[in-house]
Amino acid sequence: MMELKTKIWMTGALEWFAYIGDGEVYLGGREVPYPLQDGDTWKNRFGDVFRVIGGEIVLLGRSGRPGEHW
């Protein structure tokens, strides 16, 4: 099992957040892989793309908001 260096937490609404840099960042909900492993990549509902690199969650950028399916 990998040691994650980024502080993360889940809210009562089952949404994941993390401290990345100096701020609190929304990681996503069900789209966040669990357990997190080095190399995992995902996109949250706002289009922010994250990857686990060397035990840290890195915000790679925004790739455009994915479509919502109702």
PDB file of N, CA and C in Angstrom:
ATOM      1  N   MET A   1       0.840  -1.186   0.000  1.00  0.00           N
ATOM      2  CA  MET A   1       0.000   0.000   0.000  1.00  0.00           C
ATOM      3  C   MET A   1       0.885   1.249   0.000  1.00  0.00           C
ATOM      4  N   MET A   2       0.510   2.230  -0.803  1.00  0.00           N
ATOM      5  CA  MET A   2       1.278   3.455  -0.963  1.00  0.00           C
ATOM      6  C   MET A   2       0.941   4.463   0.138  1.00  0.00           C
ATOM      7  N   GLU A   3       1.966   5.190   0.593  1.00  0.00           N
ATOM      8  CA  GLU A   3       1.738   6.274   1.545  1.00  0.00           C
ATOM      9  C   GLU A   3       1.428   7.541   0.758  1.00  0.00           C
ATOM     10  N   LEU A   4       0.254   8.112   0.994  1.00  0.00           N
ATOM     11  CA  LEU A   4      -0.158   9.331   0.307  1.00  0.00           C
ATOM     12  C   LEU A   4       0.345  10.529   1.096  1.00  0.00           C
ATOM     13  N   LYS A   5       1.041  11.439   0.418  1.00  0.00           N
ATOM     14  CA  LYS A   5       1.624  12.612   1.072  1.00  0.00           C
ATOM     15  C   LYS A   5       0.662  13.788   1.119  1.00  0.00           C
ATOM     16  N   THR A   6      -0.370  13.782   0.277  1.00  0.00           N
ATOM     17  CA  THR A   6      -1.353  14.856   0.217  1.00  0.00           C
ATOM     18  C   THR A   6      -2.445  14.597   1.242  1.00  0.00           C
ATOM     19  N   LYS A   7      -2.809  15.628   2.010  1.00  0.00           N
ATOM     20  CA  LYS A   7      -3.884  15.489   2.996  1.00  0.00           C
ATOM     21  C   LYS A   7      -5.220  15.529   2.269  1.00  0.00           C
ATOM     22  N   ILE A   8      -6.009  14.448   2.400  1.00  0.00           N
ATOM     23  CA  ILE A   8      -7.315  14.375   1.762  1.00  0.00           C
ATOM     24  C   ILE A   8      -8.379  14.049   2.800  1.00  0.00           C
ATOM     25  N   TRP A   9      -9.629  14.380   2.478  1.00  0.00           N
ATOM     26  CA  TRP A   9     -10.743  14.023   3.354  1.00  0.00           C
ATOM     27  C   TRP A   9     -12.019  13.917   2.527  1.00  0.00           C
ATOM     28  N   MET A  10     -12.978  13.188   3.085  1.00  0.00           N
ATOM     29  CA  MET A  10     -14.270  13.007   2.438  1.00  0.00           C
ATOM     30  C   MET A  10     -15.341  13.652   3.303  1.00  0.00           C
ATOM     31  N   THR A  11     -16.257  14.361   2.657  1.00  0.00           N
ATOM     32  CA  THR A  11     -17.359  15.001   3.380  1.00  0.00           C
ATOM     33  C   THR A  11     -18.496  14.003   3.567  1.00  0.00           C
ATOM     34  N   GLY A  12     -19.507  14.423   4.324  1.00  0.00           N
ATOM     35  CA  GLY A  12     -20.694  13.593   4.513  1.00  0.00           C
ATOM     36  C   GLY A  12     -21.464  13.367   3.228  1.00  0.00           C
ATOM     37  N   ALA A  13     -21.236  14.218   2.226  1.00  0.00           N
ATOM     38  CA  ALA A  13     -21.884  14.071   0.920  1.00  0.00           C
ATOM     39  C   ALA A  13     -21.054  13.175  -0.012  1.00  0.00           C
ATOM     40  N   LEU A  14     -20.052  12.490   0.543  1.00  0.00           N
ATOM     41  CA  LEU A  14     -19.178  11.574  -0.200  1.00  0.00           C
ATOM     42  C   LEU A  14     -18.398  12.269  -1.312  1.00  0.00           C
ATOM     43  N   GLU A  15     -17.941  13.472  -1.032  1.00  0.00           N
ATOM     44  CA  GLU A  15     -17.103  14.223  -1.959  1.00  0.00           C
ATOM     45  C   GLU A  15     -15.708  14.357  -1.365  1.00  0.00           C
ATOM     46  N   TRP A  16     -14.691  14.185  -2.209  1.00  0.00           N
ATOM     47  CA  TRP A  16     -13.299  14.225  -1.777  1.00  0.00           C
ATOM     48  C   TRP A  16     -12.708  15.617  -1.976  1.00  0.00           C
ATOM     49  N   PHE A  17     -11.928  16.068  -0.994  1.00  0.00           N
ATOM     50  CA  PHE A  17     -11.205  17.334  -1.051  1.00  0.00           C
ATOM     51  C   PHE A  17      -9.761  17.076  -0.645  1.00  0.00           C
ATOM     52  N   ALA A  18      -8.854  17.988  -1.029  1.00  0.00           N
ATOM     53  CA  ALA A  18      -7.441  17.873  -0.675  1.00  0.00           C
ATOM     54  C   ALA A  18      -6.842  19.261  -0.541  1.00  0.00           C
ATOM     55  N   TYR A  19      -5.752  19.342   0.225  1.00  0.00           N
ATOM     56  CA  TYR A  19      -4.935  20.549   0.223  1.00  0.00           C
ATOM     57  C   TYR A  19      -3.863  20.362  -0.834  1.00  0.00           C
ATOM     58  N   ILE A  20      -3.927  21.176  -1.884  1.00  0.00           N
ATOM     59  CA  ILE A  20      -2.920  21.156  -2.948  1.00  0.00           C
ATOM     60  C   ILE A  20      -2.365  22.565  -3.020  1.00  0.00           C
ATOM     61  N   GLY A  21      -1.067  22.689  -2.804  1.00  0.00           N
ATOM     62  CA  GLY A  21      -0.455  24.016  -2.730  1.00  0.00           C
ATOM     63  C   GLY A  21      -0.959  24.718  -1.477  1.00  0.00           C
ATOM     64  N   ASP A  22      -1.467  25.921  -1.643  1.00  0.00           N
ATOM     65  CA  ASP A  22      -1.953  26.694  -0.499  1.00  0.00           C
ATOM     66  C   ASP A  22      -3.461  26.657  -0.360  1.00  0.00           C
ATOM     67  N   GLY A  23      -4.147  25.844  -1.158  1.00  0.00           N
ATOM     68  CA  GLY A  23      -5.596  25.893  -1.132  1.00  0.00           C
ATOM     69  C   GLY A  23      -6.278  24.550  -1.007  1.00  0.00           C
ATOM     70  N   GLU A  24      -7.553  24.632  -0.678  1.00  0.00           N
ATOM     71  CA  GLU A  24      -8.421  23.472  -0.595  1.00  0.00           C
ATOM     72  C   GLU A  24      -9.010  23.240  -1.987  1.00  0.00           C
ATOM     73  N   VAL A  25      -8.895  22.013  -2.492  1.00  0.00           N
ATOM     74  CA  VAL A  25      -9.300  21.709  -3.861  1.00  0.00           C
ATOM     75  C   VAL A  25     -10.303  20.565  -3.854  1.00  0.00           C
ATOM     76  N   TYR A  26     -11.372  20.709  -4.656  1.00  0.00           N
ATOM     77  CA  TYR A  26     -12.361  19.654  -4.835  1.00  0.00           C
ATOM     78  C   TYR A  26     -11.802  18.613  -5.795  1.00  0.00           C
ATOM     79  N   LEU A  27     -11.681  17.369  -5.314  1.00  0.00           N
ATOM     80  CA  LEU A  27     -11.157  16.289  -6.145  1.00  0.00           C
ATOM     81  C   LEU A  27     -12.247  15.588  -6.935  1.00  0.00           C
ATOM     82  N   GLY A  28     -13.428  15.499  -6.363  1.00  0.00           N
ATOM     83  CA  GLY A  28     -14.526  14.822  -7.042  1.00  0.00           C
ATOM     84  C   GLY A  28     -15.307  13.944  -6.096  1.00  0.00           C
ATOM     85  N   GLY A  29     -16.180  13.165  -6.659  1.00  0.00           N
ATOM     86  CA  GLY A  29     -17.009  12.235  -5.898  1.00  0.00           C
ATOM     87  C   GLY A  29     -16.645  10.807  -6.271  1.00  0.00           C
ATOM     88  N   ARG A  30     -17.575  10.145  -6.939  1.00  0.00           N
ATOM     89  CA  ARG A  30     -17.360   8.747  -7.330  1.00  0.00           C
ATOM     90  C   ARG A  30     -16.236   8.555  -8.337  1.00  0.00           C
ATOM     91  N   GLU A  31     -15.879   9.619  -9.043  1.00  0.00           N
ATOM     92  CA  GLU A  31     -14.827   9.487 -10.068  1.00  0.00           C
ATOM     93  C   GLU A  31     -13.424   9.358  -9.468  1.00  0.00           C
ATOM     94  N   VAL A  32     -13.263   9.649  -8.179  1.00  0.00           N
ATOM     95  CA  VAL A  32     -11.952   9.536  -7.526  1.00  0.00           C
ATOM     96  C   VAL A  32     -11.661   8.060  -7.264  1.00  0.00           C
ATOM     97  N   PRO A  33     -10.570   7.519  -7.829  1.00  0.00           N
ATOM     98  CA  PRO A  33     -10.266   6.105  -7.601  1.00  0.00           C
ATOM     99  C   PRO A  33      -9.900   5.856  -6.140  1.00  0.00           C
ATOM    100  N   TYR A  34     -10.355   4.729  -5.616  1.00  0.00           N
ATOM    101  CA  TYR A  34     -10.045   4.388  -4.230  1.00  0.00           C
ATOM    102  C   TYR A  34      -9.794   2.902  -4.145  1.00  0.00           C
ATOM    103  N   PRO A  35      -8.699   2.482  -3.531  1.00  0.00           N
ATOM    104  CA  PRO A  35      -7.645   3.300  -2.931  1.00  0.00           C
ATOM    105  C   PRO A  35      -6.765   3.929  -4.008  1.00  0.00           C
ATOM    106  N   LEU A  36      -6.226   5.098  -3.691  1.00  0.00           N
ATOM    107  CA  LEU A  36      -5.365   5.817  -4.629  1.00  0.00           C
ATOM    108  C   LEU A  36      -4.016   5.118  -4.749  1.00  0.00           C
ATOM    109  N   GLN A  37      -3.538   5.001  -5.980  1.00  0.00           N
ATOM    110  CA  GLN A  37      -2.238   4.393  -6.268  1.00  0.00           C
ATOM    111  C   GLN A  37      -1.448   5.335  -7.167  1.00  0.00           C
ATOM    112  N   ASP A  38      -0.133   5.225  -7.120  1.00  0.00           N
ATOM    113  CA  ASP A  38       0.721   6.036  -7.980  1.00  0.00           C
ATOM    114  C   ASP A  38       0.324   5.823  -9.443  1.00  0.00           C
ATOM    115  N   GLY A  39       0.152   6.911 -10.180  1.00  0.00           N
ATOM    116  CA  GLY A  39      -0.212   6.838 -11.585  1.00  0.00           C
ATOM    117  C   GLY A  39      -1.701   6.990 -11.850  1.00  0.00           C
ATOM    118  N   ASP A  40      -2.549   6.888 -10.812  1.00  0.00           N
ATOM    119  CA  ASP A  40      -3.993   7.067 -11.001  1.00  0.00           C
ATOM    120  C   ASP A  40      -4.281   8.460 -11.540  1.00  0.00           C
ATOM    121  N   THR A  41      -5.169   8.552 -12.521  1.00  0.00           N
ATOM    122  CA  THR A  41      -5.560   9.823 -13.131  1.00  0.00           C
ATOM    123  C   THR A  41      -7.080   9.856 -13.217  1.00  0.00           C
ATOM    124  N   TRP A  42      -7.686  11.026 -12.944  1.00  0.00           N
ATOM    125  CA  TRP A  42      -9.133  11.182 -13.062  1.00  0.00           C
ATOM    126  C   TRP A  42      -9.490  12.634 -13.321  1.00  0.00           C
ATOM    127  N   LYS A  43     -10.738  12.829 -13.764  1.00  0.00           N
ATOM    128  CA  LYS A  43     -11.267  14.156 -14.046  1.00  0.00           C
ATOM    129  C   LYS A  43     -12.535  14.338 -13.223  1.00  0.00           C
ATOM    130  N   ASN A  44     -12.635  15.465 -12.491  1.00  0.00           N
ATOM    131  CA  ASN A  44     -13.851  15.712 -11.713  1.00  0.00           C
ATOM    132  C   ASN A  44     -14.927  16.337 -12.601  1.00  0.00           C
ATOM    133  N   ARG A  45     -16.089  16.595 -12.032  1.00  0.00           N
ATOM    134  CA  ARG A  45     -17.221  17.093 -12.825  1.00  0.00           C
ATOM    135  C   ARG A  45     -17.021  18.504 -13.357  1.00  0.00           C
ATOM    136  N   PHE A  46     -16.005  19.213 -12.864  1.00  0.00           N
ATOM    137  CA  PHE A  46     -15.705  20.557 -13.360  1.00  0.00           C
ATOM    138  C   PHE A  46     -14.637  20.544 -14.454  1.00  0.00           C
ATOM    139  N   GLY A  47     -14.110  19.349 -14.754  1.00  0.00           N
ATOM    140  CA  GLY A  47     -13.100  19.214 -15.786  1.00  0.00           C
ATOM    141  C   GLY A  47     -11.671  19.298 -15.289  1.00  0.00           C
ATOM    142  N   ASP A  48     -11.467  19.409 -13.975  1.00  0.00           N
ATOM    143  CA  ASP A  48     -10.109  19.429 -13.421  1.00  0.00           C
ATOM    144  C   ASP A  48      -9.520  18.023 -13.477  1.00  0.00           C
ATOM    145  N   VAL A  49      -8.291  17.906 -13.967  1.00  0.00           N
ATOM    146  CA  VAL A  49      -7.632  16.615 -14.124  1.00  0.00           C
ATOM    147  C   VAL A  49      -6.539  16.482 -13.066  1.00  0.00           C
ATOM    148  N   PHE A  50      -6.540  15.341 -12.374  1.00  0.00           N
ATOM    149  CA  PHE A  50      -5.589  15.069 -11.297  1.00  0.00           C
ATOM    150  C   PHE A  50      -4.841  13.779 -11.588  1.00  0.00           C
ATOM    151  N   ARG A  51      -3.618  13.684 -11.040  1.00  0.00           N
ATOM    152  CA  ARG A  51      -2.831  12.457 -11.122  1.00  0.00           C
ATOM    153  C   ARG A  51      -2.043  12.303  -9.825  1.00  0.00           C
ATOM    154  N   VAL A  52      -1.870  11.058  -9.401  1.00  0.00           N
ATOM    155  CA  VAL A  52      -1.033  10.761  -8.242  1.00  0.00           C
ATOM    156  C   VAL A  52       0.376  10.500  -8.757  1.00  0.00           C
ATOM    157  N   ILE A  53       1.319  11.352  -8.326  1.00  0.00           N
ATOM    158  CA  ILE A  53       2.721  11.245  -8.752  1.00  0.00           C
ATOM    159  C   ILE A  53       3.601  11.234  -7.511  1.00  0.00           C
ATOM    160  N   GLY A  54       4.341  10.175  -7.308  1.00  0.00           N
ATOM    161  CA  GLY A  54       5.241  10.080  -6.163  1.00  0.00           C
ATOM    162  C   GLY A  54       4.528  10.222  -4.830  1.00  0.00           C
ATOM    163  N   GLY A  55       3.286   9.732  -4.750  1.00  0.00           N
ATOM    164  CA  GLY A  55       2.541   9.783  -3.502  1.00  0.00           C
ATOM    165  C   GLY A  55       1.818  11.104  -3.259  1.00  0.00           C
ATOM    166  N   GLU A  56       1.883  12.036  -4.207  1.00  0.00           N
ATOM    167  CA  GLU A  56       1.196  13.327  -4.070  1.00  0.00           C
ATOM    168  C   GLU A  56       0.161  13.491  -5.171  1.00  0.00           C
ATOM    169  N   ILE A  57      -0.976  14.091  -4.821  1.00  0.00           N
ATOM    170  CA  ILE A  57      -1.996  14.398  -5.807  1.00  0.00           C
ATOM    171  C   ILE A  57      -1.623  15.716  -6.472  1.00  0.00           C
ATOM    172  N   VAL A  58      -1.552  15.702  -7.803  1.00  0.00           N
ATOM    173  CA  VAL A  58      -1.141  16.870  -8.581  1.00  0.00           C
ATOM    174  C   VAL A  58      -2.303  17.287  -9.481  1.00  0.00           C
ATOM    175  N   LEU A  59      -2.605  18.586  -9.484  1.00  0.00           N
ATOM    176  CA  LEU A  59      -3.604  19.130 -10.394  1.00  0.00           C
ATOM    177  C   LEU A  59      -2.914  19.401 -11.729  1.00  0.00           C
ATOM    178  N   LEU A  60      -3.271  18.639 -12.763  1.00  0.00           N
ATOM    179  CA  LEU A  60      -2.622  18.769 -14.063  1.00  0.00           C
ATOM    180  C   LEU A  60      -3.187  19.928 -14.870  1.00  0.00           C
ATOM    181  N   GLY A  61      -4.430  20.286 -14.616  1.00  0.00           N
ATOM    182  CA  GLY A  61      -5.053  21.382 -15.352  1.00  0.00           C
ATOM    183  C   GLY A  61      -6.519  21.112 -15.580  1.00  0.00           C
ATOM    184  N   ARG A  62      -7.104  21.922 -16.438  1.00  0.00           N
ATOM    185  CA  ARG A  62      -8.532  21.791 -16.739  1.00  0.00           C
ATOM    186  C   ARG A  62      -8.671  21.387 -18.200  1.00  0.00           C
ATOM    187  N   SER A  63      -9.477  20.362 -18.436  1.00  0.00           N
ATOM    188  CA  SER A  63      -9.628  19.869 -19.809  1.00  0.00           C
ATOM    189  C   SER A  63     -11.017  20.146 -20.357  1.00  0.00           C
ATOM    190  N   GLY A  64     -11.716  21.079 -19.775  1.00  0.00           N
ATOM    191  CA  GLY A  64     -13.077  21.350 -20.217  1.00  0.00           C
ATOM    192  C   GLY A  64     -14.050  20.541 -19.406  1.00  0.00           C
ATOM    193  N   ARG A  65     -15.202  21.118 -19.161  1.00  0.00           N
ATOM    194  CA  ARG A  65     -16.188  20.443 -18.321  1.00  0.00           C
ATOM    195  C   ARG A  65     -16.783  19.256 -19.062  1.00  0.00           C
ATOM    196  N   PRO A  66     -16.731  18.090 -18.432  1.00  0.00           N
ATOM    197  CA  PRO A  66     -17.332  16.917 -19.069  1.00  0.00           C
ATOM    198  C   PRO A  66     -18.849  17.059 -19.119  1.00  0.00           C
ATOM    199  N   GLY A  67     -19.463  16.411 -20.061  1.00  0.00           N
ATOM    200  CA  GLY A  67     -20.917  16.470 -20.168  1.00  0.00           C
ATOM    201  C   GLY A  67     -21.603  15.778 -19.000  1.00  0.00           C
ATOM    202  N   GLU A  68     -22.728  16.296 -18.598  1.00  0.00           N
ATOM    203  CA  GLU A  68     -23.507  15.665 -17.530  1.00  0.00           C
ATOM    204  C   GLU A  68     -24.612  14.844 -18.159  1.00  0.00           C
ATOM    205  N   HIS A  69     -24.808  13.664 -17.644  1.00  0.00           N
ATOM    206  CA  HIS A  69     -25.832  12.748 -18.160  1.00  0.00           C
ATOM    207  C   HIS A  69     -26.955  12.668 -17.134  1.00  0.00           C
ATOM    208  N   TRP A  70     -28.164  12.912 -17.592  1.00  0.00           N
ATOM    209  CA  TRP A  70     -29.329  12.869 -16.683  1.00  0.00           C
ATOM    210  C   TRP A  70     -30.126  11.637 -16.927  1.00  0.00           C
TER     211      TRP A  70
END
